[in-house]
Amino acid sequence: MERQFILCYHDFSVKNAGLAAQQIRWIAQMAKNPITVAVIPDVDGASAAEVDFFKREIEKLSAENFELLLHGASHLAKDDGERTFWGRRAMQLTQGEAEFAGLGEEDSSQLLSLAIDFWNSLGFQCPRGFVPPTWYGNAYLRKQVLAQFDFFEDRFFIYAKGRKFFSPALSFAGLPRLSLQVAQRGSCFVLQNFSGVPRLVFHPVDFETLGEKRILNLIRFAGVKREQVYYRSLL
């Protein structure tokens, strides 16, 4: 098997659709291929015009052969229900973004159903893969996702039905600025030396913190060392 990697953009939402669509296409242009895009489906509070624009951009990405993933429900917990100790810690570390972290079986199932309902309300066929926000899940989420989707992932693995792929997520969002150079070098080391299918993941904030030059260098380095593939390529 060729050495492979997946190139992703996370957190495409109704709130950032205009700027994010530009960033996604810039990454794709630099990579010379469509990329994988993780979409937050909640449009609560958005205007009709914002929702229409968001839906048009999703439709365009799909038509242009970008691979779409469902990325949680809202990417922000709207209540602080009962969670495990580690779930509460994950919520603190992510400022409430780890909406699935540490939930019980019923609460996890209900939130997953809500995420699917949000997506269905946009009028598109549900994606084949699901990514929990910030990669924090719970004891039940993987099984619940794989009952309805082809792919689930956490920070170190991609799970398909009956298969498991070592896939470290190389992500920079939320890191202190002083550590970004170290994180970039570490990502290059993983891309050059590790087995499996690493995921090179960019977020909207990376264009401010990392900057386009560093992002471009990472994309180019990954493209030299590995072949870009998609989740669907793993089946």
C-alpha atoms as a PDB file:
ATOM      1  CA  MET A   1       0.000   0.000   0.000  1.00  0.00           C
ATOM      2  CA  GLU A   2       1.221   3.493  -0.837  1.00  0.00           C
ATOM      3  CA  ARG A   3       2.024   5.806   2.066  1.00  0.00           C
ATOM      4  CA  GLN A   4      -1.121   7.886   2.401  1.00  0.00           C
ATOM      5  CA  PHE A   5      -2.572  10.870   4.245  1.00  0.00           C
ATOM      6  CA  ILE A   6      -5.941  12.597   4.473  1.00  0.00           C
ATOM      7  CA  LEU A   7      -6.178  16.383   4.115  1.00  0.00           C
ATOM      8  CA  CYS A   8      -9.061  17.862   6.111  1.00  0.00           C
ATOM      9  CA  TYR A   9     -10.703  21.184   6.926  1.00  0.00           C
ATOM     10  CA  HIS A  10     -12.789  21.204  10.104  1.00  0.00           C
ATOM     11  CA  ASP A  11     -15.586  23.455  11.379  1.00  0.00           C
ATOM     12  CA  PHE A  12     -17.287  24.611   8.172  1.00  0.00           C
ATOM     13  CA  SER A  13     -20.502  26.162   9.491  1.00  0.00           C
ATOM     14  CA  VAL A  14     -23.262  28.620   8.712  1.00  0.00           C
ATOM     15  CA  LYS A  15     -21.417  31.182  10.863  1.00  0.00           C
ATOM     16  CA  ASN A  16     -18.215  31.147   8.805  1.00  0.00           C
ATOM     17  CA  ALA A  17     -19.437  29.853   5.440  1.00  0.00           C
ATOM     18  CA  GLY A  18     -18.166  32.741   3.317  1.00  0.00           C
ATOM     19  CA  LEU A  19     -14.607  32.858   4.650  1.00  0.00           C
ATOM     20  CA  ALA A  20     -14.381  29.106   5.206  1.00  0.00           C
ATOM     21  CA  ALA A  21     -15.404  28.356   1.618  1.00  0.00           C
ATOM     22  CA  GLN A  22     -12.517  30.553   0.415  1.00  0.00           C
ATOM     23  CA  GLN A  23     -10.071  28.841   2.786  1.00  0.00           C
ATOM     24  CA  ILE A  24     -11.244  25.370   1.735  1.00  0.00           C
ATOM     25  CA  ARG A  25     -10.746  26.124  -1.940  1.00  0.00           C
ATOM     26  CA  TRP A  26      -7.368  27.713  -1.270  1.00  0.00           C
ATOM     27  CA  ILE A  27      -6.211  24.524   0.483  1.00  0.00           C
ATOM     28  CA  ALA A  28      -7.588  22.422  -2.373  1.00  0.00           C
ATOM     29  CA  GLN A  29      -5.803  24.608  -4.907  1.00  0.00           C
ATOM     30  CA  MET A  30      -2.523  24.240  -3.034  1.00  0.00           C
ATOM     31  CA  ALA A  31      -3.011  20.476  -2.769  1.00  0.00           C
ATOM     32  CA  LYS A  32      -4.212  20.244  -6.391  1.00  0.00           C
ATOM     33  CA  ASN A  33      -7.070  18.027  -5.219  1.00  0.00           C
ATOM     34  CA  PRO A  34     -10.426  18.387  -3.481  1.00  0.00           C
ATOM     35  CA  ILE A  35     -10.150  17.796   0.252  1.00  0.00           C
ATOM     36  CA  THR A  36     -12.275  16.402   3.077  1.00  0.00           C
ATOM     37  CA  VAL A  37     -14.513  18.945   4.856  1.00  0.00           C
ATOM     38  CA  ALA A  38     -16.093  18.424   8.287  1.00  0.00           C
ATOM     39  CA  VAL A  39     -19.405  20.319   8.425  1.00  0.00           C
ATOM     40  CA  ILE A  40     -21.203  21.612  11.534  1.00  0.00           C
ATOM     41  CA  PRO A  41     -24.917  21.332  10.622  1.00  0.00           C
ATOM     42  CA  ASP A  42     -26.620  23.517  13.258  1.00  0.00           C
ATOM     43  CA  VAL A  43     -28.073  26.706  11.723  1.00  0.00           C
ATOM     44  CA  ASP A  44     -29.925  27.919  14.813  1.00  0.00           C
ATOM     45  CA  GLY A  45     -29.911  31.714  15.006  1.00  0.00           C
ATOM     46  CA  ALA A  46     -28.798  32.219  11.410  1.00  0.00           C
ATOM     47  CA  SER A  47     -30.814  34.339   8.996  1.00  0.00           C
ATOM     48  CA  ALA A  48     -32.601  32.822   6.012  1.00  0.00           C
ATOM     49  CA  ALA A  49     -30.016  34.391   3.710  1.00  0.00           C
ATOM     50  CA  GLU A  50     -27.144  32.902   5.725  1.00  0.00           C
ATOM     51  CA  VAL A  51     -28.739  29.460   5.671  1.00  0.00           C
ATOM     52  CA  ASP A  52     -29.354  29.657   1.911  1.00  0.00           C
ATOM     53  CA  PHE A  53     -25.723  30.648   1.309  1.00  0.00           C
ATOM     54  CA  PHE A  54     -24.477  27.828   3.552  1.00  0.00           C
ATOM     55  CA  LYS A  55     -26.613  25.285   1.700  1.00  0.00           C
ATOM     56  CA  ARG A  56     -25.435  26.538  -1.688  1.00  0.00           C
ATOM     57  CA  GLU A  57     -21.805  26.201  -0.606  1.00  0.00           C
ATOM     58  CA  ILE A  58     -22.375  22.643   0.638  1.00  0.00           C
ATOM     59  CA  GLU A  59     -24.022  21.809  -2.671  1.00  0.00           C
ATOM     60  CA  LYS A  60     -21.079  23.295  -4.599  1.00  0.00           C
ATOM     61  CA  LEU A  61     -18.508  21.403  -2.541  1.00  0.00           C
ATOM     62  CA  SER A  62     -20.340  18.152  -3.081  1.00  0.00           C
ATOM     63  CA  ALA A  63     -20.597  18.803  -6.826  1.00  0.00           C
ATOM     64  CA  GLU A  64     -16.867  19.566  -6.939  1.00  0.00           C
ATOM     65  CA  ASN A  65     -16.097  16.165  -5.379  1.00  0.00           C
ATOM     66  CA  PHE A  66     -15.087  17.414  -1.955  1.00  0.00           C
ATOM     67  CA  GLU A  67     -15.651  14.726   0.652  1.00  0.00           C
ATOM     68  CA  LEU A  68     -18.043  15.824   3.425  1.00  0.00           C
ATOM     69  CA  LEU A  69     -18.200  14.615   7.017  1.00  0.00           C
ATOM     70  CA  LEU A  70     -20.785  15.360   9.691  1.00  0.00           C
ATOM     71  CA  HIS A  71     -19.003  17.181  12.504  1.00  0.00           C
ATOM     72  CA  GLY A  72     -21.170  16.980  15.588  1.00  0.00           C
ATOM     73  CA  ALA A  73     -24.442  18.807  16.072  1.00  0.00           C
ATOM     74  CA  SER A  74     -23.496  22.343  17.142  1.00  0.00           C
ATOM     75  CA  HIS A  75     -19.803  21.927  18.092  1.00  0.00           C
ATOM     76  CA  LEU A  76     -20.760  23.591  21.348  1.00  0.00           C
ATOM     77  CA  ALA A  77     -22.682  21.992  24.193  1.00  0.00           C
ATOM     78  CA  LYS A  78     -25.944  23.839  24.751  1.00  0.00           C
ATOM     79  CA  ASP A  79     -26.333  22.430  28.256  1.00  0.00           C
ATOM     80  CA  ASP A  80     -24.026  20.837  30.780  1.00  0.00           C
ATOM     81  CA  GLY A  81     -25.832  17.577  31.425  1.00  0.00           C
ATOM     82  CA  GLU A  82     -24.557  14.582  33.341  1.00  0.00           C
ATOM     83  CA  ARG A  83     -21.040  13.616  32.236  1.00  0.00           C
ATOM     84  CA  THR A  84     -18.179  11.515  33.496  1.00  0.00           C
ATOM     85  CA  PHE A  85     -15.285  13.196  35.285  1.00  0.00           C
ATOM     86  CA  TRP A  86     -13.167  13.042  32.116  1.00  0.00           C
ATOM     87  CA  GLY A  87     -16.066  14.369  30.099  1.00  0.00           C
ATOM     88  CA  ARG A  88     -16.296  17.403  32.367  1.00  0.00           C
ATOM     89  CA  ARG A  89     -12.542  17.912  32.053  1.00  0.00           C
ATOM     90  CA  ALA A  90     -12.778  17.744  28.258  1.00  0.00           C
ATOM     91  CA  MET A  91     -15.520  20.360  28.342  1.00  0.00           C
ATOM     92  CA  GLN A  92     -13.297  22.641  30.413  1.00  0.00           C
ATOM     93  CA  LEU A  93     -10.284  22.138  28.149  1.00  0.00           C
ATOM     94  CA  THR A  94     -12.278  22.919  25.004  1.00  0.00           C
ATOM     95  CA  GLN A  95     -14.432  25.749  26.392  1.00  0.00           C
ATOM     96  CA  GLY A  96     -17.551  23.641  25.921  1.00  0.00           C
ATOM     97  CA  GLU A  97     -16.835  22.475  22.361  1.00  0.00           C
ATOM     98  CA  ALA A  98     -16.533  18.763  23.222  1.00  0.00           C
ATOM     99  CA  GLU A  99     -20.295  18.281  23.135  1.00  0.00           C
ATOM    100  CA  PHE A 100     -20.188  14.446  23.148  1.00  0.00           C
ATOM    101  CA  ALA A 101     -17.508  14.099  25.826  1.00  0.00           C
ATOM    102  CA  GLY A 102     -18.384  11.754  28.669  1.00  0.00           C
ATOM    103  CA  LEU A 103     -22.109  11.522  27.938  1.00  0.00           C
ATOM    104  CA  GLY A 104     -24.177   8.531  28.985  1.00  0.00           C
ATOM    105  CA  GLU A 105     -25.625   6.136  26.423  1.00  0.00           C
ATOM    106  CA  GLU A 106     -29.035   7.776  26.060  1.00  0.00           C
ATOM    107  CA  ASP A 107     -27.749  11.357  25.996  1.00  0.00           C
ATOM    108  CA  SER A 108     -25.105  10.405  23.419  1.00  0.00           C
ATOM    109  CA  SER A 109     -27.707   8.719  21.220  1.00  0.00           C
ATOM    110  CA  GLN A 110     -30.047  11.700  21.442  1.00  0.00           C
ATOM    111  CA  LEU A 111     -27.302  14.172  20.537  1.00  0.00           C
ATOM    112  CA  LEU A 112     -26.199  12.040  17.588  1.00  0.00           C
ATOM    113  CA  SER A 113     -29.823  11.891  16.387  1.00  0.00           C
ATOM    114  CA  LEU A 114     -30.014  15.671  16.715  1.00  0.00           C
ATOM    115  CA  ALA A 115     -26.875  16.067  14.596  1.00  0.00           C
ATOM    116  CA  ILE A 116     -28.406  13.871  11.893  1.00  0.00           C
ATOM    117  CA  ASP A 117     -31.685  15.801  12.084  1.00  0.00           C
ATOM    118  CA  PHE A 118     -29.808  19.084  11.683  1.00  0.00           C
ATOM    119  CA  TRP A 119     -28.092  17.715   8.589  1.00  0.00           C
ATOM    120  CA  ASN A 120     -31.283  16.286   7.108  1.00  0.00           C
ATOM    121  CA  SER A 121     -32.985  19.654   7.570  1.00  0.00           C
ATOM    122  CA  LEU A 122     -30.428  21.111   5.149  1.00  0.00           C
ATOM    123  CA  GLY A 123     -31.838  18.844   2.463  1.00  0.00           C
ATOM    124  CA  PHE A 124     -28.763  16.760   1.634  1.00  0.00           C
ATOM    125  CA  GLN A 125     -27.961  13.072   1.835  1.00  0.00           C
ATOM    126  CA  CYS A 126     -26.157  12.366   5.095  1.00  0.00           C
ATOM    127  CA  PRO A 127     -22.354  11.989   4.790  1.00  0.00           C
ATOM    128  CA  ARG A 128     -20.704   8.619   5.201  1.00  0.00           C
ATOM    129  CA  GLY A 129     -18.504   9.705   8.108  1.00  0.00           C
ATOM    130  CA  PHE A 130     -18.952  11.336  11.510  1.00  0.00           C
ATOM    131  CA  VAL A 131     -16.329  13.242  13.529  1.00  0.00           C
ATOM    132  CA  PRO A 132     -17.081  14.305  17.118  1.00  0.00           C
ATOM    133  CA  PRO A 133     -15.994  17.888  17.828  1.00  0.00           C
ATOM    134  CA  THR A 134     -12.422  18.068  19.166  1.00  0.00           C
ATOM    135  CA  TRP A 135     -12.349  14.247  18.842  1.00  0.00           C
ATOM    136  CA  TYR A 136     -13.747  13.762  22.354  1.00  0.00           C
ATOM    137  CA  GLY A 137     -16.386  11.055  22.557  1.00  0.00           C
ATOM    138  CA  ASN A 138     -17.742   8.696  25.174  1.00  0.00           C
ATOM    139  CA  ALA A 139     -18.014   4.975  25.849  1.00  0.00           C
ATOM    140  CA  TYR A 140     -20.981   4.557  23.495  1.00  0.00           C
ATOM    141  CA  LEU A 141     -20.469   6.955  20.623  1.00  0.00           C
ATOM    142  CA  ARG A 142     -18.327   4.828  18.318  1.00  0.00           C
ATOM    143  CA  LYS A 143     -20.799   1.955  18.290  1.00  0.00           C
ATOM    144  CA  GLN A 144     -23.715   4.357  17.838  1.00  0.00           C
ATOM    145  CA  VAL A 145     -22.022   6.097  14.919  1.00  0.00           C
ATOM    146  CA  LEU A 146     -20.969   2.914  13.125  1.00  0.00           C
ATOM    147  CA  ALA A 147     -24.532   1.641  13.289  1.00  0.00           C
ATOM    148  CA  GLN A 148     -25.468   4.513  10.943  1.00  0.00           C
ATOM    149  CA  PHE A 149     -22.254   5.702   9.261  1.00  0.00           C
ATOM    150  CA  ASP A 150     -19.339   4.072   7.443  1.00  0.00           C
ATOM    151  CA  PHE A 151     -16.640   5.949   9.398  1.00  0.00           C
ATOM    152  CA  PHE A 152     -15.942   7.217  12.888  1.00  0.00           C
ATOM    153  CA  GLU A 153     -12.722   8.721  14.168  1.00  0.00           C
ATOM    154  CA  ASP A 154     -10.997   9.763  17.344  1.00  0.00           C
ATOM    155  CA  ARG A 155      -7.670  11.507  17.749  1.00  0.00           C
ATOM    156  CA  PHE A 156      -5.556   8.480  16.818  1.00  0.00           C
ATOM    157  CA  PHE A 157      -7.706   6.090  14.771  1.00  0.00           C
ATOM    158  CA  ILE A 158     -10.248   5.901  11.975  1.00  0.00           C
ATOM    159  CA  TYR A 159     -12.829   3.165  12.439  1.00  0.00           C
ATOM    160  CA  ALA A 160     -14.714   1.636   9.537  1.00  0.00           C
ATOM    161  CA  LYS A 161     -17.136  -1.232   9.863  1.00  0.00           C
ATOM    162  CA  GLY A 162     -14.897  -4.161  10.764  1.00  0.00           C
ATOM    163  CA  ARG A 163     -11.656  -2.232  10.174  1.00  0.00           C
ATOM    164  CA  LYS A 164      -9.403   0.103  12.146  1.00  0.00           C
ATOM    165  CA  PHE A 165      -6.703   2.401  10.772  1.00  0.00           C
ATOM    166  CA  PHE A 166      -3.944   4.068  12.758  1.00  0.00           C
ATOM    167  CA  SER A 167      -4.454   7.713  11.876  1.00  0.00           C
ATOM    168  CA  PRO A 168      -2.995  10.407  14.158  1.00  0.00           C
ATOM    169  CA  ALA A 169      -4.765  13.749  13.783  1.00  0.00           C
ATOM    170  CA  LEU A 170      -2.192  16.464  13.060  1.00  0.00           C
ATOM    171  CA  SER A 171      -4.047  19.545  14.260  1.00  0.00           C
ATOM    172  CA  PHE A 172      -2.962  23.000  15.421  1.00  0.00           C
ATOM    173  CA  ALA A 173      -6.152  24.696  16.623  1.00  0.00           C
ATOM    174  CA  GLY A 174      -6.103  25.659  20.276  1.00  0.00           C
ATOM    175  CA  LEU A 175      -2.327  25.395  20.649  1.00  0.00           C
ATOM    176  CA  PRO A 176      -0.373  28.323  22.129  1.00  0.00           C
ATOM    177  CA  ARG A 177       1.326  30.359  19.427  1.00  0.00           C
ATOM    178  CA  LEU A 178       4.752  29.639  20.921  1.00  0.00           C
ATOM    179  CA  SER A 179       4.232  25.915  20.365  1.00  0.00           C
ATOM    180  CA  LEU A 180       3.122  26.095  16.719  1.00  0.00           C
ATOM    181  CA  GLN A 181       6.606  25.727  15.250  1.00  0.00           C
ATOM    182  CA  VAL A 182       7.210  22.630  17.377  1.00  0.00           C
ATOM    183  CA  ALA A 183       3.810  21.245  16.356  1.00  0.00           C
ATOM    184  CA  GLN A 184       4.622  21.853  12.687  1.00  0.00           C
ATOM    185  CA  ARG A 185       7.940  20.010  12.977  1.00  0.00           C
ATOM    186  CA  GLY A 186       6.247  17.192  14.862  1.00  0.00           C
ATOM    187  CA  SER A 187       3.642  16.863  12.126  1.00  0.00           C
ATOM    188  CA  CYS A 188       6.356  16.661   9.486  1.00  0.00           C
ATOM    189  CA  PHE A 189       8.098  13.947  11.515  1.00  0.00           C
ATOM    190  CA  VAL A 190       4.885  11.922  11.679  1.00  0.00           C
ATOM    191  CA  LEU A 191       4.220  12.354   7.963  1.00  0.00           C
ATOM    192  CA  GLN A 192       7.743  11.250   7.101  1.00  0.00           C
ATOM    193  CA  ASN A 193       8.208   8.385   9.542  1.00  0.00           C
ATOM    194  CA  PHE A 194       4.952   6.950  10.869  1.00  0.00           C
ATOM    195  CA  SER A 195       2.893   4.160   9.388  1.00  0.00           C
ATOM    196  CA  GLY A 196      -0.873   4.397   8.997  1.00  0.00           C
ATOM    197  CA  VAL A 197      -2.872   7.202   7.396  1.00  0.00           C
ATOM    198  CA  PRO A 198      -2.224  10.489   9.235  1.00  0.00           C
ATOM    199  CA  ARG A 199      -4.854  13.229   8.993  1.00  0.00           C
ATOM    200  CA  LEU A 200      -3.525  16.727   8.328  1.00  0.00           C
ATOM    201  CA  VAL A 201      -6.307  18.883   9.756  1.00  0.00           C
ATOM    202  CA  PHE A 202      -6.746  22.627   9.420  1.00  0.00           C
ATOM    203  CA  HIS A 203      -9.288  24.880  11.139  1.00  0.00           C
ATOM    204  CA  PRO A 204     -10.371  28.437  10.299  1.00  0.00           C
ATOM    205  CA  VAL A 205      -8.262  29.873  13.118  1.00  0.00           C
ATOM    206  CA  ASP A 206      -5.096  28.362  11.622  1.00  0.00           C
ATOM    207  CA  PHE A 207      -5.077  30.980   8.873  1.00  0.00           C
ATOM    208  CA  GLU A 208      -4.548  33.581  11.596  1.00  0.00           C
ATOM    209  CA  THR A 209      -2.220  31.651  13.923  1.00  0.00           C
ATOM    210  CA  LEU A 210      -0.198  29.438  11.571  1.00  0.00           C
ATOM    211  CA  GLY A 211      -0.532  31.666   8.532  1.00  0.00           C
ATOM    212  CA  GLU A 212      -0.790  30.696   4.876  1.00  0.00           C
ATOM    213  CA  LYS A 213       2.946  30.127   4.450  1.00  0.00           C
ATOM    214  CA  ARG A 214       3.155  27.465   7.157  1.00  0.00           C
ATOM    215  CA  ILE A 215      -0.063  25.847   5.970  1.00  0.00           C
ATOM    216  CA  LEU A 216       1.264  25.727   2.426  1.00  0.00           C
ATOM    217  CA  ASN A 217       4.581  24.237   3.604  1.00  0.00           C
ATOM    218  CA  LEU A 218       2.733  21.490   5.491  1.00  0.00           C
ATOM    219  CA  ILE A 219       0.540  20.687   2.493  1.00  0.00           C
ATOM    220  CA  ARG A 220       3.537  20.539   0.174  1.00  0.00           C
ATOM    221  CA  PHE A 221       5.550  18.389   2.572  1.00  0.00           C
ATOM    222  CA  ALA A 222       2.670  15.949   3.024  1.00  0.00           C
ATOM    223  CA  GLY A 223       2.166  15.765  -0.747  1.00  0.00           C
ATOM    224  CA  VAL A 224       5.824  14.920  -1.317  1.00  0.00           C
ATOM    225  CA  LYS A 225       5.954  12.231   1.355  1.00  0.00           C
ATOM    226  CA  ARG A 226       2.535  10.638   0.852  1.00  0.00           C
ATOM    227  CA  GLU A 227      -0.409  10.236  -1.485  1.00  0.00           C
ATOM    228  CA  GLN A 228      -3.541  12.192  -0.582  1.00  0.00           C
ATOM    229  CA  VAL A 229      -6.566   9.928  -0.157  1.00  0.00           C
ATOM    230  CA  TYR A 230     -10.097  10.146   1.247  1.00  0.00           C
ATOM    231  CA  TYR A 231     -12.036   8.268   3.869  1.00  0.00           C
ATOM    232  CA  ARG A 232     -13.946   6.543   1.081  1.00  0.00           C
ATOM    233  CA  SER A 233     -10.609   5.262  -0.254  1.00  0.00           C
ATOM    234  CA  LEU A 234     -10.144   3.171   2.875  1.00  0.00           C
ATOM    235  CA  LEU A 235     -13.050   0.831   2.163  1.00  0.00           C
END
